[in-house]
Amino acid sequence: MGISTQFPSTFFPKLPNNYDNVSDESVRRRRTSSVILPAIEFDPGAGMTLQRQIYSGYRKAILSGRLTPGLALPSTRLLAQELGVSRNTVMFAFEQLSAEGYVQCRQGGGTYVSISLPEHMTSAPRASRATVQRESLSGRRVSKAAQSFLTARSSFVARGWGAFRISLPALDQFPVELWSRLVSKHSRRIPRQLLGYCDPLGYRPLREAIANYLRLARAANCCADQVMIVSGSQQALHLISRVLLNPGDRVAVEEPGYPGACGAFLAASASIAPVSVDEEGLRVRPDLSRHRGTRAVYVTPSHQYPLGMTMSLRRRIELLEWARRECAWIIEDDYDSEYRYVTRPIACLQGMDGSARVIYVGTFSKVLFPSLRIGYMILPSDLLSAFSAAKEHADLFSPTLYQAVLTDFIKQGHFGRHLRRMRCLYQERVGFLKSALERELGNEVAIAHADSGMYLTALLTSQVDDVALATKAAEQNIVFTPLSTCYRTSARRSGLILGVGGADRRQIEAGVSRLGGIVRDLSKRIVPGFKLA
């Protein structure tokens, strides 16, 4: 039986056990090639000669498309060393491959897969009937939660770099050079402790910086020990679901609300209970109170997603009293509270909590840049051990390099300055977008709350299907989120959730102009089965 040789030694040089005593010169001498060795079947005990096995293995790999044209092959010396054969054996096999045109040898430059092979010879094999059948059955093999993810993902086109992509900040305004200098500084001298396994709760200096910031800017009641670093707010929601929810537990969510939160709760097999909102935010009485036995409620009190209102003080007190009385948890998502244009940012709900029932979730993805993937939670002290264990089971800990960089970015004052600049920029863009919509669409839209945040929601007053509108707009590189996708009940409203972070004035004006044409075109048609609430 043939042995599939994986060649682990190509990834790590063969060094003695006392690695700490190996000199740089010793490592340099042993670093014979940077080419990754492909896996081929090789069995010294087989009836076929070693030379023939090497020849056949590489020929099959080239014809199957695993080795693509132009790919560098390992040196004959390295391959002979790894296979434990004579170098001449490998050289003769490569000479045969070269003679038949499968590889090309460059004088002093190594051996490469031939780039002149016909395309049909090197194409990857087609999927077998069994593979196709498995793919067709995949919808029945995955969990109900996964099926709901797929349905939500394919229900409308809302990805890419279009004019109104939601949650995308003004990346062209981010201080890239400053950030790069901080990254370079930390990369040049990384402490050994940051290269090993770190605290599941996160990098301690960053947790201290976040706690200090939240106490000052959001009136949070917390210390560094209560802060957990996560890979964005979505991971925070999944961890909350795993730690606090059992299958069948009821979770109340805002209606309309953030679909990503529902996805996290569904993944824990929870039951979703939509609760309506009005001008004061979540309707605690009577809507939430009628759901007896509710385990948790998810809210966005500072800037309700997606309608934009701020929860009133009266409702906040009612919600906290409800959580204390029901022994339920409040999940406060404070996703972009830094950007408030009428008054100063509102104090967070967590800072008012005297019963340790609020779990606070925040993120740097929207205020800095999405690929940073750093978010945080403020946890009640009695939950720290459980969340730490859950984080450890999920991914051990979040990467530490960017945590160290972000710590300097905050402590040196760059974060505060960036927030002030972006607050002015987004206020200007939201105002410009509102004027453009009113000018272009007039009575076709009704603007929701536009006094905070990085987006604006425009309610469609005509019976236009916002999902169809989003699909048509995506064909013209306009990307927004349909409001109706944020509802879980049939009483849906049609509208456009338009981000302003990634669009300047010129893009906003051009995008609104194109949207106006699409809305007018769709409004002339009768959309079967679509009805406004």
Protein backbone atom coordinates (compact mmCIF):
# COMPACT_ATOMS: atom_id res chain seq x y z
CA MET A 1 0.00 0.00 0.00
CA GLY A 2 1.37 3.42 -0.98
CA ILE A 3 2.37 5.94 1.66
CA SER A 4 1.16 9.53 1.19
CA THR A 5 4.22 11.55 2.13
CA GLN A 6 3.20 14.90 3.69
CA PHE A 7 6.75 16.17 4.32
CA PRO A 8 6.24 18.10 7.59
CA SER A 9 9.94 18.95 7.57
CA THR A 10 9.42 21.43 4.74
CA PHE A 11 7.52 23.70 7.12
CA PHE A 12 9.98 23.51 10.03
CA PRO A 13 13.74 22.89 9.59
CA LYS A 14 15.11 19.71 11.16
CA LEU A 15 16.64 21.10 14.33
CA PRO A 16 17.92 19.29 17.42
CA ASN A 17 15.87 19.13 20.60
CA ASN A 18 17.90 21.85 22.34
CA TYR A 19 16.52 24.47 19.96
CA ASP A 20 17.44 27.42 22.19
CA ASN A 21 21.14 26.64 21.69
CA VAL A 22 21.00 26.59 17.89
CA SER A 23 22.88 29.48 16.32
CA ASP A 24 21.54 31.66 13.51
CA GLU A 25 24.33 30.34 11.26
CA SER A 26 23.21 26.76 11.94
CA VAL A 27 19.65 27.65 10.96
CA ARG A 28 20.90 29.39 7.80
CA ARG A 29 22.88 26.33 6.70
CA ARG A 30 19.86 24.07 7.21
CA ARG A 31 17.43 26.33 5.32
CA THR A 32 17.95 24.58 1.98
CA SER A 33 14.74 25.55 0.21
CA SER A 34 11.61 27.64 0.68
CA VAL A 35 9.59 25.50 -1.76
CA ILE A 36 6.79 23.47 -0.16
CA LEU A 37 7.07 19.81 -1.15
CA PRO A 38 3.93 18.40 -2.77
CA ALA A 39 2.39 15.21 -1.39
CA ILE A 40 3.02 12.23 -3.68
CA GLU A 41 2.58 8.52 -3.13
CA PHE A 42 5.95 6.95 -2.43
CA ASP A 43 6.62 3.46 -1.09
CA PRO A 44 10.22 2.17 -1.06
CA GLY A 45 8.86 -1.37 -0.67
CA ALA A 46 6.63 -1.30 -3.74
CA GLY A 47 7.40 -3.28 -6.87
CA MET A 48 7.85 -0.12 -8.98
CA THR A 49 11.30 1.47 -9.02
CA LEU A 50 11.86 4.57 -6.91
CA GLN A 51 12.64 6.64 -10.01
CA ARG A 52 9.37 5.54 -11.62
CA GLN A 53 7.36 6.32 -8.50
CA ILE A 54 8.74 9.86 -8.36
CA TYR A 55 8.10 10.36 -12.07
CA SER A 56 4.54 8.99 -11.88
CA GLY A 57 3.69 10.94 -8.72
CA TYR A 58 4.68 14.28 -10.21
CA ARG A 59 3.10 13.49 -13.58
CA LYS A 60 -0.24 12.72 -11.88
CA ALA A 61 -0.02 15.86 -9.76
CA ILE A 62 0.62 18.01 -12.85
CA LEU A 63 -2.15 16.44 -14.97
CA SER A 64 -4.69 16.64 -12.13
CA GLY A 65 -4.06 20.37 -11.73
CA ARG A 66 -2.65 20.12 -8.21
CA LEU A 67 0.65 21.45 -9.52
CA THR A 68 -0.20 24.48 -11.63
CA PRO A 69 1.83 25.79 -14.60
CA GLY A 70 4.78 27.90 -13.52
CA LEU A 71 4.92 26.44 -9.99
CA ALA A 72 8.45 26.02 -8.61
CA LEU A 73 9.42 22.44 -7.73
CA PRO A 74 11.80 21.49 -4.91
CA SER A 75 15.47 21.02 -5.67
CA THR A 76 16.66 17.51 -6.42
CA ARG A 77 18.95 17.67 -3.40
CA LEU A 78 16.11 18.57 -1.00
CA LEU A 79 13.70 16.02 -2.48
CA ALA A 80 16.30 13.27 -2.30
CA GLN A 81 17.01 14.17 1.32
CA GLU A 82 13.33 14.10 2.29
CA LEU A 83 12.58 10.84 0.45
CA GLY A 84 15.75 9.16 1.66
CA VAL A 85 16.93 8.21 -1.84
CA SER A 86 19.91 8.93 -4.03
CA ARG A 87 20.00 12.34 -5.67
CA ASN A 88 20.61 10.62 -9.02
CA THR A 89 17.26 8.82 -8.63
CA VAL A 90 15.45 12.15 -8.36
CA MET A 91 17.51 13.73 -11.17
CA PHE A 92 16.67 10.89 -13.58
CA ALA A 93 12.95 11.21 -12.73
CA PHE A 94 13.04 14.98 -13.34
CA GLU A 95 14.95 14.50 -16.59
CA GLN A 96 12.20 12.16 -17.82
CA LEU A 97 9.52 14.73 -16.87
CA SER A 98 11.49 17.43 -18.67
CA ALA A 99 11.96 15.29 -21.78
CA GLU A 100 8.19 14.72 -21.99
CA GLY A 101 7.46 18.45 -21.50
CA TYR A 102 5.88 18.31 -18.06
CA VAL A 103 8.56 20.44 -16.39
CA GLN A 104 11.09 23.05 -17.48
CA CYS A 105 14.60 23.34 -16.06
CA ARG A 106 16.13 26.81 -15.95
CA GLN A 107 19.88 27.10 -15.80
CA GLY A 108 20.69 28.13 -12.24
CA GLY A 109 17.04 28.94 -11.60
CA GLY A 110 15.46 25.64 -10.56
CA THR A 111 12.72 23.44 -12.01
CA TYR A 112 9.17 24.56 -12.77
CA VAL A 113 5.95 23.03 -14.02
CA SER A 114 5.75 23.70 -17.74
CA ILE A 115 3.62 26.67 -18.75
CA SER A 116 3.11 25.35 -22.29
CA LEU A 117 0.91 22.36 -21.42
CA PRO A 118 -2.53 22.37 -23.11
CA GLU A 119 -5.23 23.72 -20.78
CA HIS A 120 -7.35 20.58 -21.00
CA MET A 121 -4.46 18.46 -19.72
CA THR A 122 -4.09 20.39 -16.45
CA SER A 123 -7.72 21.12 -15.63
CA ALA A 124 -9.04 20.04 -12.26
CA PRO A 125 -11.28 16.94 -12.38
CA ARG A 126 -15.03 17.48 -12.47
CA ALA A 127 -17.07 16.68 -9.43
CA SER A 128 -18.36 13.15 -9.39
CA ARG A 129 -22.06 12.33 -9.31
CA ALA A 130 -21.71 11.39 -5.64
CA THR A 131 -20.20 14.80 -4.86
CA VAL A 132 -23.02 16.60 -6.68
CA GLN A 133 -25.56 14.49 -4.82
CA ARG A 134 -23.93 15.34 -1.48
CA GLU A 135 -24.07 19.04 -2.33
CA SER A 136 -27.74 18.80 -3.26
CA LEU A 137 -28.44 17.11 0.09
CA SER A 138 -26.40 19.61 2.11
CA GLY A 139 -29.45 21.73 2.85
CA ARG A 140 -30.98 18.79 4.74
CA ARG A 141 -27.73 17.86 6.51
CA VAL A 142 -27.00 21.19 8.20
CA SER A 143 -28.73 22.49 11.33
CA LYS A 144 -31.81 24.68 11.33
CA ALA A 145 -29.68 27.57 12.55
CA ALA A 146 -27.33 27.17 9.58
CA GLN A 147 -30.31 27.06 7.20
CA SER A 148 -31.58 30.33 8.65
CA PHE A 149 -28.12 31.87 8.09
CA LEU A 150 -28.19 30.81 4.44
CA THR A 151 -31.71 32.16 3.94
CA ALA A 152 -30.84 35.53 5.45
CA ARG A 153 -27.63 35.74 3.47
CA SER A 154 -29.22 35.09 0.09
CA SER A 155 -32.41 37.11 0.65
CA PHE A 156 -30.86 40.30 -0.73
CA VAL A 157 -27.62 41.61 -2.13
CA ALA A 158 -25.90 43.75 0.51
CA ARG A 159 -22.20 43.18 0.11
CA GLY A 160 -19.36 44.92 -1.64
CA TRP A 161 -18.15 48.51 -1.75
CA GLY A 162 -21.27 50.28 -2.94
CA ALA A 163 -22.14 53.86 -2.04
CA PHE A 164 -24.28 53.07 1.02
CA ARG A 165 -22.69 49.93 2.48
CA ILE A 166 -23.88 49.75 6.08
CA SER A 167 -21.34 49.76 8.96
CA LEU A 168 -18.44 50.74 6.70
CA PRO A 169 -16.44 53.64 8.21
CA ALA A 170 -14.60 56.32 6.26
CA LEU A 171 -11.49 54.24 5.65
CA ASP A 172 -9.86 57.01 3.60
CA GLN A 173 -9.90 59.21 6.72
CA PHE A 174 -8.25 56.69 9.02
CA PRO A 175 -4.68 57.70 10.10
CA VAL A 176 -3.01 54.78 8.33
CA GLU A 177 0.54 56.11 8.62
CA LEU A 178 0.21 56.66 12.36
CA TRP A 179 -1.31 53.22 12.85
CA SER A 180 1.43 51.65 10.71
CA ARG A 181 4.12 53.23 12.86
CA LEU A 182 2.54 51.77 15.99
CA VAL A 183 2.26 48.35 14.34
CA SER A 184 5.91 48.56 13.24
CA LYS A 185 7.04 49.53 16.73
CA HIS A 186 5.31 46.57 18.34
CA SER A 187 6.37 44.16 15.57
CA ARG A 188 10.05 45.01 15.98
CA ARG A 189 10.16 44.14 19.66
CA ILE A 190 7.37 41.79 20.66
CA PRO A 191 7.72 40.65 24.28
CA ARG A 192 8.06 36.90 24.59
CA GLN A 193 4.93 36.65 26.74
CA LEU A 194 2.82 38.03 23.86
CA LEU A 195 4.02 35.21 21.59
CA GLY A 196 2.63 32.52 23.85
CA TYR A 197 -0.83 31.67 25.13
CA CYS A 198 -2.55 34.68 26.65
CA ASP A 199 -5.44 35.37 29.00
CA PRO A 200 -8.80 34.43 27.39
CA LEU A 201 -10.18 37.72 28.75
CA GLY A 202 -7.67 39.67 26.65
CA TYR A 203 -4.57 41.83 26.88
CA ARG A 204 -4.63 43.44 30.32
CA PRO A 205 -3.37 46.94 29.30
CA LEU A 206 -6.07 47.16 26.61
CA ARG A 207 -8.75 46.11 29.08
CA GLU A 208 -7.59 48.87 31.41
CA ALA A 209 -7.66 51.43 28.59
CA ILE A 210 -11.18 50.38 27.54
CA ALA A 211 -12.47 50.49 31.13
CA ASN A 212 -11.06 54.00 31.58
CA TYR A 213 -12.60 55.17 28.31
CA LEU A 214 -16.05 53.71 29.05
CA ARG A 215 -16.15 55.19 32.54
CA LEU A 216 -15.42 58.65 31.14
CA ALA A 217 -17.28 58.65 27.82
CA ARG A 218 -20.20 56.30 28.50
CA ALA A 219 -20.63 56.61 32.31
CA ALA A 220 -20.13 52.88 32.61
CA ASN A 221 -19.72 51.28 36.02
CA CYS A 222 -16.82 48.91 35.44
CA CYS A 223 -13.18 48.03 36.05
CA ALA A 224 -10.61 46.29 33.89
CA ASP A 225 -11.36 42.94 35.51
CA GLN A 226 -14.87 43.02 34.00
CA VAL A 227 -13.71 43.71 30.43
CA MET A 228 -13.37 40.84 27.97
CA ILE A 229 -11.77 41.29 24.53
CA VAL A 230 -13.56 39.50 21.66
CA SER A 231 -13.26 39.35 17.90
CA GLY A 232 -16.02 41.87 17.26
CA SER A 233 -19.54 42.26 18.63
CA GLN A 234 -20.80 39.24 16.68
CA GLN A 235 -18.52 36.90 18.60
CA ALA A 236 -19.69 38.58 21.80
CA LEU A 237 -23.29 37.71 20.92
CA HIS A 238 -22.37 34.10 20.17
CA LEU A 239 -20.50 33.78 23.47
CA ILE A 240 -23.47 35.26 25.33
CA SER A 241 -25.75 32.74 23.64
CA ARG A 242 -23.51 29.82 24.57
CA VAL A 243 -23.04 30.87 28.20
CA LEU A 244 -26.51 32.14 29.14
CA LEU A 245 -29.00 30.29 26.93
CA ASN A 246 -30.28 26.75 26.91
CA PRO A 247 -32.19 25.28 23.94
CA GLY A 248 -35.73 26.65 23.96
CA ASP A 249 -34.98 29.68 26.16
CA ARG A 250 -36.85 32.79 25.06
CA VAL A 251 -34.90 35.89 24.03
CA ALA A 252 -36.74 39.16 23.39
CA VAL A 253 -35.43 41.31 20.54
CA GLU A 254 -36.39 44.69 19.15
CA GLU A 255 -38.83 44.72 16.23
CA PRO A 256 -37.39 45.81 13.85
CA GLY A 257 -33.90 44.91 15.03
CA TYR A 258 -30.45 43.65 14.19
CA PRO A 259 -30.63 40.32 12.28
CA GLY A 260 -27.12 39.32 13.39
CA ALA A 261 -28.28 39.12 17.00
CA CYS A 262 -31.15 36.82 16.06
CA GLY A 263 -28.69 34.63 14.18
CA ALA A 264 -26.53 34.24 17.29
CA PHE A 265 -29.54 33.34 19.44
CA LEU A 266 -30.88 30.88 16.86
CA ALA A 267 -27.49 29.17 16.82
CA ALA A 268 -28.08 28.40 20.51
CA SER A 269 -31.55 27.00 19.62
CA ALA A 270 -33.23 29.84 21.49
CA SER A 271 -36.77 31.04 20.85
CA ILE A 272 -37.04 34.59 19.48
CA ALA A 273 -39.75 36.93 20.81
CA PRO A 274 -40.03 40.17 18.78
CA VAL A 275 -41.00 43.23 20.85
CA SER A 276 -42.13 46.38 19.08
CA VAL A 277 -40.44 49.79 19.42
CA ASP A 278 -41.85 53.31 19.33
CA GLU A 279 -40.41 56.81 19.70
CA GLU A 280 -39.16 55.99 23.23
CA GLY A 281 -37.52 52.71 22.24
CA LEU A 282 -38.43 49.18 23.31
CA ARG A 283 -42.01 48.90 24.61
CA VAL A 284 -41.44 47.34 28.03
CA ARG A 285 -45.10 47.65 29.05
CA PRO A 286 -47.10 45.83 27.96
CA ASP A 287 -45.21 44.22 25.05
CA LEU A 288 -42.12 42.86 26.82
CA SER A 289 -43.91 42.18 30.12
CA ARG A 290 -46.37 39.80 28.49
CA HIS A 291 -43.52 37.40 27.56
CA ARG A 292 -43.28 35.60 30.87
CA GLY A 293 -40.20 33.49 31.48
CA THR A 294 -38.01 35.45 29.07
CA ARG A 295 -34.36 34.63 29.70
CA ALA A 296 -32.79 37.72 28.09
CA VAL A 297 -33.58 40.82 26.05
CA TYR A 298 -31.36 42.33 23.35
CA VAL A 299 -31.54 46.12 22.98
CA THR A 300 -29.72 49.01 21.28
CA PRO A 301 -30.81 51.81 23.66
CA SER A 302 -28.38 54.57 22.64
CA HIS A 303 -29.15 54.33 18.91
CA GLN A 304 -31.86 51.83 18.05
CA TYR A 305 -31.00 49.71 15.03
CA PRO A 306 -32.36 50.35 12.45
CA LEU A 307 -34.83 53.20 13.18
CA GLY A 308 -32.39 55.36 15.15
CA MET A 309 -34.36 56.54 18.20
CA THR A 310 -32.84 56.79 21.68
CA MET A 311 -34.48 54.91 24.55
CA SER A 312 -36.04 57.35 27.01
CA LEU A 313 -35.02 57.46 30.66
CA ARG A 314 -38.46 56.20 31.69
CA ARG A 315 -38.12 53.13 29.47
CA ARG A 316 -34.59 52.47 30.70
CA ILE A 317 -35.77 52.40 34.29
CA GLU A 318 -38.71 50.15 33.36
CA LEU A 319 -36.37 47.76 31.54
CA LEU A 320 -33.93 47.54 34.45
CA GLU A 321 -36.80 46.91 36.86
CA TRP A 322 -38.19 44.22 34.57
CA ALA A 323 -34.80 42.45 34.40
CA ARG A 324 -34.41 42.53 38.19
CA ARG A 325 -37.96 41.26 38.74
CA GLU A 326 -37.72 38.47 36.14
CA CYS A 327 -34.07 37.57 36.92
CA ALA A 328 -33.41 38.12 33.20
CA TRP A 329 -30.37 39.44 31.37
CA ILE A 330 -30.16 42.65 29.36
CA ILE A 331 -27.77 42.54 26.40
CA GLU A 332 -26.88 46.16 25.59
CA ASP A 333 -25.34 46.59 22.13
CA ASP A 334 -23.70 50.03 22.06
CA TYR A 335 -22.47 49.73 18.48
CA ASP A 336 -21.98 53.39 17.42
CA SER A 337 -23.00 55.56 20.37
CA GLU A 338 -19.87 57.71 19.89
CA TYR A 339 -21.53 59.45 16.96
CA ARG A 340 -24.29 61.63 18.38
CA TYR A 341 -24.85 65.02 16.74
CA VAL A 342 -27.62 66.80 18.67
CA THR A 343 -26.37 66.32 22.25
CA ARG A 344 -23.42 64.64 23.90
CA PRO A 345 -23.40 60.80 23.80
CA ILE A 346 -26.04 59.33 26.10
CA ALA A 347 -24.89 57.42 29.21
CA CYS A 348 -25.08 53.67 28.73
CA LEU A 349 -27.70 51.45 30.33
CA GLN A 350 -25.00 49.44 32.10
CA GLY A 351 -24.02 52.47 34.17
CA MET A 352 -27.56 52.65 35.60
CA ASP A 353 -27.70 48.97 36.49
CA GLY A 354 -27.69 48.29 40.22
CA SER A 355 -28.52 44.58 39.99
CA ALA A 356 -25.68 43.35 37.70
CA ARG A 357 -28.16 42.24 35.01
CA VAL A 358 -26.65 44.12 32.03
CA ILE A 359 -24.01 42.74 29.67
CA TYR A 360 -22.50 45.58 27.65
CA VAL A 361 -21.20 44.96 24.11
CA GLY A 362 -19.04 47.36 22.10
CA THR A 363 -16.78 47.22 19.05
CA PHE A 364 -13.94 49.08 17.36
CA SER A 365 -14.88 47.78 13.90
CA LYS A 366 -17.18 50.69 13.10
CA VAL A 367 -15.18 53.50 14.70
CA LEU A 368 -11.77 52.39 13.35
CA PHE A 369 -11.83 49.72 10.62
CA PRO A 370 -13.69 46.38 10.24
CA SER A 371 -10.70 44.10 9.66
CA LEU A 372 -9.31 45.05 13.09
CA ARG A 373 -11.75 42.50 14.57
CA ILE A 374 -11.55 43.76 18.14
CA GLY A 375 -14.64 44.18 20.27
CA TYR A 376 -15.29 44.01 24.00
CA MET A 377 -17.81 43.15 26.66
CA ILE A 378 -18.40 44.42 30.20
CA LEU A 379 -19.50 41.43 32.25
CA PRO A 380 -21.01 41.11 35.71
CA SER A 381 -18.28 39.76 38.00
CA ASP A 382 -20.05 36.48 38.72
CA LEU A 383 -20.07 35.61 34.99
CA LEU A 384 -16.35 36.14 34.33
CA SER A 385 -15.28 32.53 34.92
CA ALA A 386 -17.98 31.11 32.65
CA PHE A 387 -17.26 33.55 29.82
CA SER A 388 -13.52 33.02 30.14
CA ALA A 389 -14.01 29.27 29.77
CA ALA A 390 -16.34 29.74 26.80
CA LYS A 391 -13.85 32.03 25.07
CA GLU A 392 -11.10 29.50 25.68
CA HIS A 393 -13.20 26.79 24.05
CA ALA A 394 -14.10 29.06 21.12
CA ASP A 395 -10.64 30.28 20.04
CA LEU A 396 -8.44 30.31 23.19
CA PHE A 397 -7.87 34.09 23.03
CA SER A 398 -7.92 37.00 20.60
CA PRO A 399 -4.67 37.85 18.71
CA THR A 400 -2.49 40.06 20.87
CA LEU A 401 -0.43 42.17 18.43
CA TYR A 402 -3.27 44.48 17.41
CA GLN A 403 -4.48 44.60 21.01
CA ALA A 404 -1.10 46.04 22.01
CA VAL A 405 -1.20 48.51 19.10
CA LEU A 406 -4.74 49.60 19.96
CA THR A 407 -3.70 50.14 23.57
CA ASP A 408 -1.12 52.72 22.47
CA PHE A 409 -3.60 54.23 20.02
CA ILE A 410 -6.03 54.88 22.88
CA LYS A 411 -3.57 55.88 25.60
CA GLN A 412 -1.67 58.33 23.38
CA GLY A 413 -4.90 60.22 22.56
CA HIS A 414 -5.17 59.21 18.91
CA PHE A 415 -8.48 57.41 19.46
CA GLY A 416 -10.18 60.46 20.98
CA ARG A 417 -8.92 62.76 18.21
CA HIS A 418 -10.08 60.33 15.53
CA LEU A 419 -13.55 60.12 17.08
CA ARG A 420 -13.92 63.91 17.12
CA ARG A 421 -12.89 64.18 13.47
CA MET A 422 -15.24 61.39 12.39
CA ARG A 423 -18.14 62.81 14.40
CA CYS A 424 -17.93 66.04 12.40
CA LEU A 425 -17.52 64.18 9.11
CA TYR A 426 -20.45 61.81 9.62
CA GLN A 427 -22.71 64.59 10.83
CA GLU A 428 -22.01 66.46 7.61
CA ARG A 429 -22.59 63.35 5.47
CA VAL A 430 -25.83 62.39 7.22
CA GLY A 431 -27.15 65.91 6.73
CA PHE A 432 -26.13 65.93 3.07
CA LEU A 433 -27.73 62.51 2.48
CA LYS A 434 -30.97 63.64 4.12
CA SER A 435 -31.14 66.73 1.89
CA ALA A 436 -30.35 64.70 -1.23
CA LEU A 437 -33.09 62.17 -0.45
CA GLU A 438 -35.68 64.87 0.19
CA ARG A 439 -34.69 66.66 -2.99
CA GLU A 440 -34.61 63.57 -5.22
CA LEU A 441 -37.44 61.45 -3.78
CA GLY A 442 -39.63 64.02 -2.03
CA ASN A 443 -42.80 62.38 -0.74
CA GLU A 444 -41.56 58.93 -1.76
CA VAL A 445 -39.61 58.65 1.50
CA ALA A 446 -39.95 59.62 5.15
CA ILE A 447 -36.67 60.11 6.98
CA ALA A 448 -36.38 58.39 10.36
CA HIS A 449 -34.21 59.73 13.19
CA ALA A 450 -31.05 61.29 11.73
CA ASP A 451 -29.41 62.79 14.80
CA SER A 452 -26.76 60.11 15.40
CA GLY A 453 -24.88 57.19 13.91
CA MET A 454 -23.20 56.26 10.63
CA TYR A 455 -26.37 55.55 8.69
CA LEU A 456 -29.77 56.98 7.87
CA THR A 457 -33.03 55.07 7.47
CA ALA A 458 -35.51 56.25 4.84
CA LEU A 459 -39.02 54.74 5.02
CA LEU A 460 -40.64 54.18 1.64
CA THR A 461 -44.13 55.66 1.53
CA SER A 462 -45.12 53.82 -1.65
CA GLN A 463 -45.62 50.06 -1.92
CA VAL A 464 -42.17 49.36 -3.29
CA ASP A 465 -40.50 46.10 -2.31
CA ASP A 466 -37.24 47.19 -0.68
CA VAL A 467 -35.59 43.80 -1.32
CA ALA A 468 -36.32 44.11 -5.05
CA LEU A 469 -35.04 47.67 -4.86
CA ALA A 470 -31.81 46.51 -3.19
CA THR A 471 -31.30 43.84 -5.84
CA LYS A 472 -31.78 46.36 -8.66
CA ALA A 473 -29.54 48.90 -6.95
CA ALA A 474 -26.74 46.34 -6.50
CA GLU A 475 -26.60 45.99 -10.29
CA GLN A 476 -25.54 49.67 -10.35
CA ASN A 477 -23.03 49.22 -7.49
CA ILE A 478 -25.33 50.75 -4.87
CA VAL A 479 -25.32 48.65 -1.70
CA PHE A 480 -27.74 49.19 1.18
CA THR A 481 -29.76 47.09 3.64
CA PRO A 482 -33.53 46.70 3.07
CA LEU A 483 -35.45 47.67 6.20
CA SER A 484 -37.91 44.79 5.82
CA THR A 485 -35.13 42.25 6.46
CA CYS A 486 -34.86 43.55 10.04
CA TYR A 487 -38.37 42.30 10.93
CA ARG A 488 -39.30 38.85 12.19
CA THR A 489 -43.07 39.24 11.95
CA SER A 490 -45.20 39.76 8.86
CA ALA A 491 -46.01 43.37 9.82
CA ARG A 492 -43.02 44.81 7.96
CA ARG A 493 -42.19 48.26 6.73
CA SER A 494 -40.30 48.91 3.54
CA GLY A 495 -37.31 51.19 3.63
CA LEU A 496 -33.64 51.82 2.94
CA ILE A 497 -30.87 51.66 5.57
CA LEU A 498 -28.16 53.81 3.98
CA GLY A 499 -24.63 53.96 5.38
CA VAL A 500 -22.64 57.18 5.02
CA GLY A 501 -19.22 56.08 6.27
CA GLY A 502 -17.91 54.81 2.94
CA ALA A 503 -19.44 57.49 0.69
CA ASP A 504 -18.32 61.08 0.14
CA ARG A 505 -20.56 63.90 -1.13
CA ARG A 506 -20.07 63.05 -4.78
CA GLN A 507 -20.88 59.37 -4.23
CA ILE A 508 -23.89 60.22 -2.07
CA GLU A 509 -25.36 62.55 -4.70
CA ALA A 510 -24.77 60.11 -7.55
CA GLY A 511 -26.11 57.18 -5.52
CA VAL A 512 -29.29 58.99 -4.48
CA SER A 513 -29.89 60.04 -8.09
CA ARG A 514 -29.70 56.41 -9.24
CA LEU A 515 -31.88 55.27 -6.35
CA GLY A 516 -34.52 57.81 -7.32
CA GLY A 517 -34.72 56.38 -10.82
CA ILE A 518 -35.04 52.81 -9.53
CA VAL A 519 -37.73 53.75 -6.98
CA ARG A 520 -39.80 55.55 -9.60
CA ASP A 521 -39.44 52.63 -11.99
CA LEU A 522 -40.54 50.05 -9.38
CA SER A 523 -43.37 52.20 -8.09
CA LYS A 524 -45.03 51.93 -11.53
CA ARG A 525 -45.28 48.18 -11.16
CA ILE A 526 -47.63 46.12 -9.01
CA VAL A 527 -45.66 43.97 -6.59
CA PRO A 528 -47.71 40.82 -5.79
CA GLY A 529 -47.85 39.81 -2.15
CA PHE A 530 -46.08 42.89 -0.78
CA LYS A 531 -47.95 45.05 1.67
CA LEU A 532 -46.84 47.87 3.91
CA ALA A 533 -47.63 47.68 7.62
